[in-house]
Amino acid sequence: MANYTKDVGSKTTIWKDGSGGKTLVATLPGLPCGVPKLGEVVYVPNFGKAECSGITQSGSGINQTVDEVQLTIK
């Protein structure tokens, strides 16, 4: 998951679970190459293992695009 596409407007957010709920750790421009499925564990450089906890999409049919991939650090 070291490579990110440079899709304008799309982003990858890195979250961490804490005592007060989820906290945003970082926002990376673009999406990971090969968008992970919900629940899939991936390796994020500089952060370690993270689980795909959400995918935000827009549009429908052939015009459907991924706007955000949310990863939660394990």
PDB file of N, CA and C in Angstrom:
ATOM      1  N   MET A   1       0.807  -1.184   0.000  1.00  0.00           N
ATOM      2  CA  MET A   1       0.000   0.000   0.000  1.00  0.00           C
ATOM      3  C   MET A   1       0.859   1.259   0.000  1.00  0.00           C
ATOM      4  N   ALA A   2       2.088   1.165  -0.387  1.00  0.00           N
ATOM      5  CA  ALA A   2       2.990   2.299  -0.383  1.00  0.00           C
ATOM      6  C   ALA A   2       2.679   3.288  -1.491  1.00  0.00           C
ATOM      7  N   ASN A   3       1.986   2.870  -2.534  1.00  0.00           N
ATOM      8  CA  ASN A   3       1.705   3.748  -3.660  1.00  0.00           C
ATOM      9  C   ASN A   3       0.291   4.299  -3.575  1.00  0.00           C
ATOM     10  N   TYR A   4       0.143   5.570  -3.870  1.00  0.00           N
ATOM     11  CA  TYR A   4      -1.158   6.224  -3.857  1.00  0.00           C
ATOM     12  C   TYR A   4      -1.408   6.850  -5.211  1.00  0.00           C
ATOM     13  N   THR A   5      -2.639   6.736  -5.709  1.00  0.00           N
ATOM     14  CA  THR A   5      -2.977   7.407  -6.949  1.00  0.00           C
ATOM     15  C   THR A   5      -3.142   8.893  -6.651  1.00  0.00           C
ATOM     16  N   LYS A   6      -2.921   9.722  -7.611  1.00  0.00           N
ATOM     17  CA  LYS A   6      -3.014  11.170  -7.426  1.00  0.00           C
ATOM     18  C   LYS A   6      -4.354  11.694  -7.947  1.00  0.00           C
ATOM     19  N   ASP A   7      -5.435  11.096  -7.501  1.00  0.00           N
ATOM     20  CA  ASP A   7      -6.784  11.480  -7.895  1.00  0.00           C
ATOM     21  C   ASP A   7      -7.182  12.719  -7.096  1.00  0.00           C
ATOM     22  N   VAL A   8      -7.436  13.817  -7.777  1.00  0.00           N
ATOM     23  CA  VAL A   8      -7.776  15.076  -7.111  1.00  0.00           C
ATOM     24  C   VAL A   8      -9.113  14.929  -6.389  1.00  0.00           C
ATOM     25  N   GLY A   9      -9.135  15.302  -5.118  1.00  0.00           N
ATOM     26  CA  GLY A   9     -10.365  15.260  -4.338  1.00  0.00           C
ATOM     27  C   GLY A   9     -10.534  13.991  -3.531  1.00  0.00           C
ATOM     28  N   SER A  10      -9.928  12.895  -3.944  1.00  0.00           N
ATOM     29  CA  SER A  10     -10.009  11.660  -3.176  1.00  0.00           C
ATOM     30  C   SER A  10      -8.957  11.689  -2.082  1.00  0.00           C
ATOM     31  N   LYS A  11      -9.254  10.995  -0.966  1.00  0.00           N
ATOM     32  CA  LYS A  11      -8.310  11.014   0.146  1.00  0.00           C
ATOM     33  C   LYS A  11      -8.371   9.706   0.925  1.00  0.00           C
ATOM     34  N   THR A  12      -7.310   9.473   1.682  1.00  0.00           N
ATOM     35  CA  THR A  12      -7.243   8.355   2.607  1.00  0.00           C
ATOM     36  C   THR A  12      -7.075   8.956   3.989  1.00  0.00           C
ATOM     37  N   THR A  13      -7.959   8.589   4.912  1.00  0.00           N
ATOM     38  CA  THR A  13      -7.850   9.096   6.279  1.00  0.00           C
ATOM     39  C   THR A  13      -7.396   7.969   7.197  1.00  0.00           C
ATOM     40  N   ILE A  14      -6.490   8.300   8.113  1.00  0.00           N
ATOM     41  CA  ILE A  14      -5.942   7.352   9.078  1.00  0.00           C
ATOM     42  C   ILE A  14      -6.507   7.715  10.448  1.00  0.00           C
ATOM     43  N   TRP A  15      -7.138   6.744  11.104  1.00  0.00           N
ATOM     44  CA  TRP A  15      -7.784   6.958  12.401  1.00  0.00           C
ATOM     45  C   TRP A  15      -7.160   6.064  13.458  1.00  0.00           C
ATOM     46  N   LYS A  16      -7.332   6.441  14.726  1.00  0.00           N
ATOM     47  CA  LYS A  16      -6.871   5.621  15.844  1.00  0.00           C
ATOM     48  C   LYS A  16      -7.981   5.579  16.883  1.00  0.00           C
ATOM     49  N   ASP A  17      -8.280   4.367  17.377  1.00  0.00           N
ATOM     50  CA  ASP A  17      -9.275   4.221  18.440  1.00  0.00           C
ATOM     51  C   ASP A  17      -8.656   4.675  19.749  1.00  0.00           C
ATOM     52  N   GLY A  18      -9.428   5.423  20.529  1.00  0.00           N
ATOM     53  CA  GLY A  18      -8.970   5.880  21.829  1.00  0.00           C
ATOM     54  C   GLY A  18     -10.095   5.793  22.840  1.00  0.00           C
ATOM     55  N   SER A  19      -9.836   6.238  24.041  1.00  0.00           N
ATOM     56  CA  SER A  19     -10.843   6.168  25.098  1.00  0.00           C
ATOM     57  C   SER A  19     -12.051   7.053  24.800  1.00  0.00           C
ATOM     58  N   GLY A  20     -11.855   8.108  24.044  1.00  0.00           N
ATOM     59  CA  GLY A  20     -12.940   9.019  23.703  1.00  0.00           C
ATOM     60  C   GLY A  20     -13.537   8.759  22.332  1.00  0.00           C
ATOM     61  N   GLY A  21     -13.187   7.638  21.716  1.00  0.00           N
ATOM     62  CA  GLY A  21     -13.664   7.326  20.373  1.00  0.00           C
ATOM     63  C   GLY A  21     -12.537   7.440  19.367  1.00  0.00           C
ATOM     64  N   LYS A  22     -12.891   7.493  18.104  1.00  0.00           N
ATOM     65  CA  LYS A  22     -11.887   7.582  17.045  1.00  0.00           C
ATOM     66  C   LYS A  22     -11.320   8.992  16.947  1.00  0.00           C
ATOM     67  N   THR A  23     -10.015   9.051  16.691  1.00  0.00           N
ATOM     68  CA  THR A  23      -9.315  10.321  16.517  1.00  0.00           C
ATOM     69  C   THR A  23      -8.612  10.303  15.169  1.00  0.00           C
ATOM     70  N   LEU A  24      -8.758  11.376  14.413  1.00  0.00           N
ATOM     71  CA  LEU A  24      -8.090  11.493  13.119  1.00  0.00           C
ATOM     72  C   LEU A  24      -6.599  11.713  13.342  1.00  0.00           C
ATOM     73  N   VAL A  25      -5.773  10.858  12.729  1.00  0.00           N
ATOM     74  CA  VAL A  25      -4.327  10.935  12.870  1.00  0.00           C
ATOM     75  C   VAL A  25      -3.703  11.647  11.670  1.00  0.00           C
ATOM     76  N   ALA A  26      -4.169  11.303  10.463  1.00  0.00           N
ATOM     77  CA  ALA A  26      -3.589  11.890   9.254  1.00  0.00           C
ATOM     78  C   ALA A  26      -4.565  11.785   8.094  1.00  0.00           C
ATOM     79  N   THR A  27      -4.417  12.708   7.156  1.00  0.00           N
ATOM     80  CA  THR A  27      -5.167  12.664   5.902  1.00  0.00           C
ATOM     81  C   THR A  27      -4.154  12.671   4.770  1.00  0.00           C
ATOM     82  N   LEU A  28      -4.220  11.640   3.931  1.00  0.00           N
ATOM     83  CA  LEU A  28      -3.300  11.508   2.814  1.00  0.00           C
ATOM     84  C   LEU A  28      -4.051  11.776   1.517  1.00  0.00           C
ATOM     85  N   PRO A  29      -3.468  12.539   0.601  1.00  0.00           N
ATOM     86  CA  PRO A  29      -4.139  12.777  -0.683  1.00  0.00           C
ATOM     87  C   PRO A  29      -4.161  11.506  -1.516  1.00  0.00           C
ATOM     88  N   GLY A  30      -5.218  11.300  -2.247  1.00  0.00           N
ATOM     89  CA  GLY A  30      -5.332  10.140  -3.118  1.00  0.00           C
ATOM     90  C   GLY A  30      -5.798   8.900  -2.380  1.00  0.00           C
ATOM     91  N   LEU A  31      -5.888   7.815  -3.121  1.00  0.00           N
ATOM     92  CA  LEU A  31      -6.368   6.544  -2.589  1.00  0.00           C
ATOM     93  C   LEU A  31      -5.266   5.509  -2.675  1.00  0.00           C
ATOM     94  N   PRO A  32      -5.310   4.505  -1.785  1.00  0.00           N
ATOM     95  CA  PRO A  32      -4.327   3.430  -1.911  1.00  0.00           C
ATOM     96  C   PRO A  32      -4.557   2.667  -3.208  1.00  0.00           C
ATOM     97  N   CYS A  33      -3.500   2.207  -3.834  1.00  0.00           N
ATOM     98  CA  CYS A  33      -3.641   1.394  -5.039  1.00  0.00           C
ATOM     99  C   CYS A  33      -4.288   0.081  -4.647  1.00  0.00           C
ATOM    100  N   GLY A  34      -5.335  -0.286  -5.323  1.00  0.00           N
ATOM    101  CA  GLY A  34      -6.071  -1.475  -4.939  1.00  0.00           C
ATOM    102  C   GLY A  34      -6.861  -1.192  -3.676  1.00  0.00           C
ATOM    103  N   VAL A  35      -7.964  -0.490  -3.781  1.00  0.00           N
ATOM    104  CA  VAL A  35      -8.768  -0.093  -2.623  1.00  0.00           C
ATOM    105  C   VAL A  35      -9.129  -1.339  -1.817  1.00  0.00           C
ATOM    106  N   PRO A  36      -8.806  -1.340  -0.501  1.00  0.00           N
ATOM    107  CA  PRO A  36      -9.097  -2.514   0.322  1.00  0.00           C
ATOM    108  C   PRO A  36     -10.599  -2.680   0.566  1.00  0.00           C
ATOM    109  N   LYS A  37     -11.004  -3.892   0.919  1.00  0.00           N
ATOM    110  CA  LYS A  37     -12.394  -4.169   1.271  1.00  0.00           C
ATOM    111  C   LYS A  37     -12.594  -3.846   2.745  1.00  0.00           C
ATOM    112  N   LEU A  38     -13.825  -3.593   3.152  1.00  0.00           N
ATOM    113  CA  LEU A  38     -14.125  -3.339   4.562  1.00  0.00           C
ATOM    114  C   LEU A  38     -13.646  -4.509   5.405  1.00  0.00           C
ATOM    115  N   GLY A  39     -12.966  -4.206   6.490  1.00  0.00           N
ATOM    116  CA  GLY A  39     -12.459  -5.222   7.393  1.00  0.00           C
ATOM    117  C   GLY A  39     -11.098  -5.779   7.022  1.00  0.00           C
ATOM    118  N   GLU A  40     -10.624  -5.481   5.816  1.00  0.00           N
ATOM    119  CA  GLU A  40      -9.316  -5.972   5.375  1.00  0.00           C
ATOM    120  C   GLU A  40      -8.207  -5.223   6.109  1.00  0.00           C
ATOM    121  N   VAL A  41      -7.184  -5.956   6.538  1.00  0.00           N
ATOM    122  CA  VAL A  41      -6.038  -5.354   7.220  1.00  0.00           C
ATOM    123  C   VAL A  41      -4.951  -5.107   6.183  1.00  0.00           C
ATOM    124  N   VAL A  42      -4.434  -3.876   6.173  1.00  0.00           N
ATOM    125  CA  VAL A  42      -3.390  -3.479   5.229  1.00  0.00           C
ATOM    126  C   VAL A  42      -2.237  -2.841   5.988  1.00  0.00           C
ATOM    127  N   TYR A  43      -1.087  -2.716   5.347  1.00  0.00           N
ATOM    128  CA  TYR A  43       0.067  -2.053   5.938  1.00  0.00           C
ATOM    129  C   TYR A  43       0.154  -0.636   5.388  1.00  0.00           C
ATOM    130  N   VAL A  44       0.255   0.335   6.282  1.00  0.00           N
ATOM    131  CA  VAL A  44       0.380   1.735   5.896  1.00  0.00           C
ATOM    132  C   VAL A  44       1.774   2.216   6.316  1.00  0.00           C
ATOM    133  N   PRO A  45       2.619   2.627   5.363  1.00  0.00           N
ATOM    134  CA  PRO A  45       3.955   3.116   5.720  1.00  0.00           C
ATOM    135  C   PRO A  45       3.870   4.218   6.783  1.00  0.00           C
ATOM    136  N   ASN A  46       4.751   4.172   7.738  1.00  0.00           N
ATOM    137  CA  ASN A  46       4.858   5.124   8.855  1.00  0.00           C
ATOM    138  C   ASN A  46       3.783   4.937   9.922  1.00  0.00           C
ATOM    139  N   PHE A  47       2.794   4.072   9.702  1.00  0.00           N
ATOM    140  CA  PHE A  47       1.734   3.864  10.685  1.00  0.00           C
ATOM    141  C   PHE A  47       1.586   2.398  11.087  1.00  0.00           C
ATOM    142  N   GLY A  48       1.973   1.468  10.243  1.00  0.00           N
ATOM    143  CA  GLY A  48       1.851   0.042  10.545  1.00  0.00           C
ATOM    144  C   GLY A  48       0.561  -0.549  10.014  1.00  0.00           C
ATOM    145  N   LYS A  49       0.059  -1.581  10.702  1.00  0.00           N
ATOM    146  CA  LYS A  49      -1.145  -2.273  10.261  1.00  0.00           C
ATOM    147  C   LYS A  49      -2.377  -1.446  10.575  1.00  0.00           C
ATOM    148  N   ALA A  50      -3.307  -1.447   9.624  1.00  0.00           N
ATOM    149  CA  ALA A  50      -4.565  -0.720   9.798  1.00  0.00           C
ATOM    150  C   ALA A  50      -5.686  -1.508   9.127  1.00  0.00           C
ATOM    151  N   GLU A  51      -6.869  -1.395   9.696  1.00  0.00           N
ATOM    152  CA  GLU A  51      -8.042  -2.074   9.145  1.00  0.00           C
ATOM    153  C   GLU A  51      -8.889  -1.083   8.368  1.00  0.00           C
ATOM    154  N   CYS A  52      -9.379  -1.492   7.215  1.00  0.00           N
ATOM    155  CA  CYS A  52     -10.266  -0.637   6.426  1.00  0.00           C
ATOM    156  C   CYS A  52     -11.597  -0.557   7.169  1.00  0.00           C
ATOM    157  N   SER A  53     -11.912   0.622   7.686  1.00  0.00           N
ATOM    158  CA  SER A  53     -13.114   0.791   8.505  1.00  0.00           C
ATOM    159  C   SER A  53     -14.220   1.559   7.790  1.00  0.00           C
ATOM    160  N   GLY A  54     -13.956   2.032   6.586  1.00  0.00           N
ATOM    161  CA  GLY A  54     -14.996   2.738   5.850  1.00  0.00           C
ATOM    162  C   GLY A  54     -14.552   3.141   4.463  1.00  0.00           C
ATOM    163  N   ILE A  55     -15.522   3.175   3.567  1.00  0.00           N
ATOM    164  CA  ILE A  55     -15.283   3.628   2.197  1.00  0.00           C
ATOM    165  C   ILE A  55     -16.448   4.537   1.825  1.00  0.00           C
ATOM    166  N   THR A  56     -16.149   5.764   1.426  1.00  0.00           N
ATOM    167  CA  THR A  56     -17.176   6.710   1.010  1.00  0.00           C
ATOM    168  C   THR A  56     -17.165   6.789  -0.510  1.00  0.00           C
ATOM    169  N   GLN A  57     -18.327   6.575  -1.116  1.00  0.00           N
ATOM    170  CA  GLN A  57     -18.442   6.590  -2.571  1.00  0.00           C
ATOM    171  C   GLN A  57     -19.486   7.605  -2.999  1.00  0.00           C
ATOM    172  N   SER A  58     -19.390   8.027  -4.244  1.00  0.00           N
ATOM    173  CA  SER A  58     -20.407   8.913  -4.807  1.00  0.00           C
ATOM    174  C   SER A  58     -20.722   8.459  -6.224  1.00  0.00           C
ATOM    175  N   GLY A  59     -21.847   8.909  -6.744  1.00  0.00           N
ATOM    176  CA  GLY A  59     -22.266   8.515  -8.076  1.00  0.00           C
ATOM    177  C   GLY A  59     -22.901   7.133  -8.056  1.00  0.00           C
ATOM    178  N   SER A  60     -23.264   6.656  -9.239  1.00  0.00           N
ATOM    179  CA  SER A  60     -23.856   5.324  -9.338  1.00  0.00           C
ATOM    180  C   SER A  60     -23.503   4.712 -10.683  1.00  0.00           C
ATOM    181  N   GLY A  61     -23.629   3.400 -10.750  1.00  0.00           N
ATOM    182  CA  GLY A  61     -23.336   2.699 -11.996  1.00  0.00           C
ATOM    183  C   GLY A  61     -21.905   2.886 -12.438  1.00  0.00           C
ATOM    184  N   ILE A  62     -21.718   3.149 -13.727  1.00  0.00           N
ATOM    185  CA  ILE A  62     -20.358   3.314 -14.252  1.00  0.00           C
ATOM    186  C   ILE A  62     -19.722   4.629 -13.802  1.00  0.00           C
ATOM    187  N   ASN A  63     -20.525   5.538 -13.251  1.00  0.00           N
ATOM    188  CA  ASN A  63     -20.012   6.824 -12.773  1.00  0.00           C
ATOM    189  C   ASN A  63     -19.687   6.808 -11.282  1.00  0.00           C
ATOM    190  N   GLN A  64     -19.741   5.638 -10.651  1.00  0.00           N
ATOM    191  CA  GLN A  64     -19.459   5.553  -9.223  1.00  0.00           C
ATOM    192  C   GLN A  64     -17.957   5.709  -8.982  1.00  0.00           C
ATOM    193  N   THR A  65     -17.596   6.550  -8.005  1.00  0.00           N
ATOM    194  CA  THR A  65     -16.192   6.771  -7.664  1.00  0.00           C
ATOM    195  C   THR A  65     -16.007   6.654  -6.158  1.00  0.00           C
ATOM    196  N   VAL A  66     -14.791   6.310  -5.755  1.00  0.00           N
ATOM    197  CA  VAL A  66     -14.434   6.254  -4.340  1.00  0.00           C
ATOM    198  C   VAL A  66     -13.881   7.623  -3.956  1.00  0.00           C
ATOM    199  N   ASP A  67     -14.501   8.256  -2.963  1.00  0.00           N
ATOM    200  CA  ASP A  67     -14.068   9.581  -2.521  1.00  0.00           C
ATOM    201  C   ASP A  67     -13.101   9.507  -1.344  1.00  0.00           C
ATOM    202  N   GLU A  68     -13.299   8.507  -0.469  1.00  0.00           N
ATOM    203  CA  GLU A  68     -12.466   8.406   0.730  1.00  0.00           C
ATOM    204  C   GLU A  68     -12.357   6.956   1.179  1.00  0.00           C
ATOM    205  N   VAL A  69     -11.153   6.579   1.616  1.00  0.00           N
ATOM    206  CA  VAL A  69     -10.938   5.296   2.272  1.00  0.00           C
ATOM    207  C   VAL A  69     -10.508   5.613   3.695  1.00  0.00           C
ATOM    208  N   GLN A  70     -11.184   5.019   4.678  1.00  0.00           N
ATOM    209  CA  GLN A  70     -10.896   5.245   6.086  1.00  0.00           C
ATOM    210  C   GLN A  70     -10.202   4.021   6.647  1.00  0.00           C
ATOM    211  N   LEU A  71      -9.023   4.230   7.226  1.00  0.00           N
ATOM    212  CA  LEU A  71      -8.238   3.145   7.810  1.00  0.00           C
ATOM    213  C   LEU A  71      -8.054   3.409   9.284  1.00  0.00           C
ATOM    214  N   THR A  72      -8.260   2.393  10.117  1.00  0.00           N
ATOM    215  CA  THR A  72      -8.084   2.516  11.556  1.00  0.00           C
ATOM    216  C   THR A  72      -6.857   1.713  11.981  1.00  0.00           C
ATOM    217  N   ILE A  73      -5.912   2.382  12.633  1.00  0.00           N
ATOM    218  CA  ILE A  73      -4.668   1.751  13.076  1.00  0.00           C
ATOM    219  C   ILE A  73      -4.987   0.671  14.096  1.00  0.00           C
ATOM    220  N   LYS A  74      -4.343  -0.482  13.935  1.00  0.00           N
ATOM    221  CA  LYS A  74      -4.540  -1.615  14.857  1.00  0.00           C
ATOM    222  C   LYS A  74      -3.722  -1.418  16.108  1.00  0.00           C
TER     223      LYS A  74
END
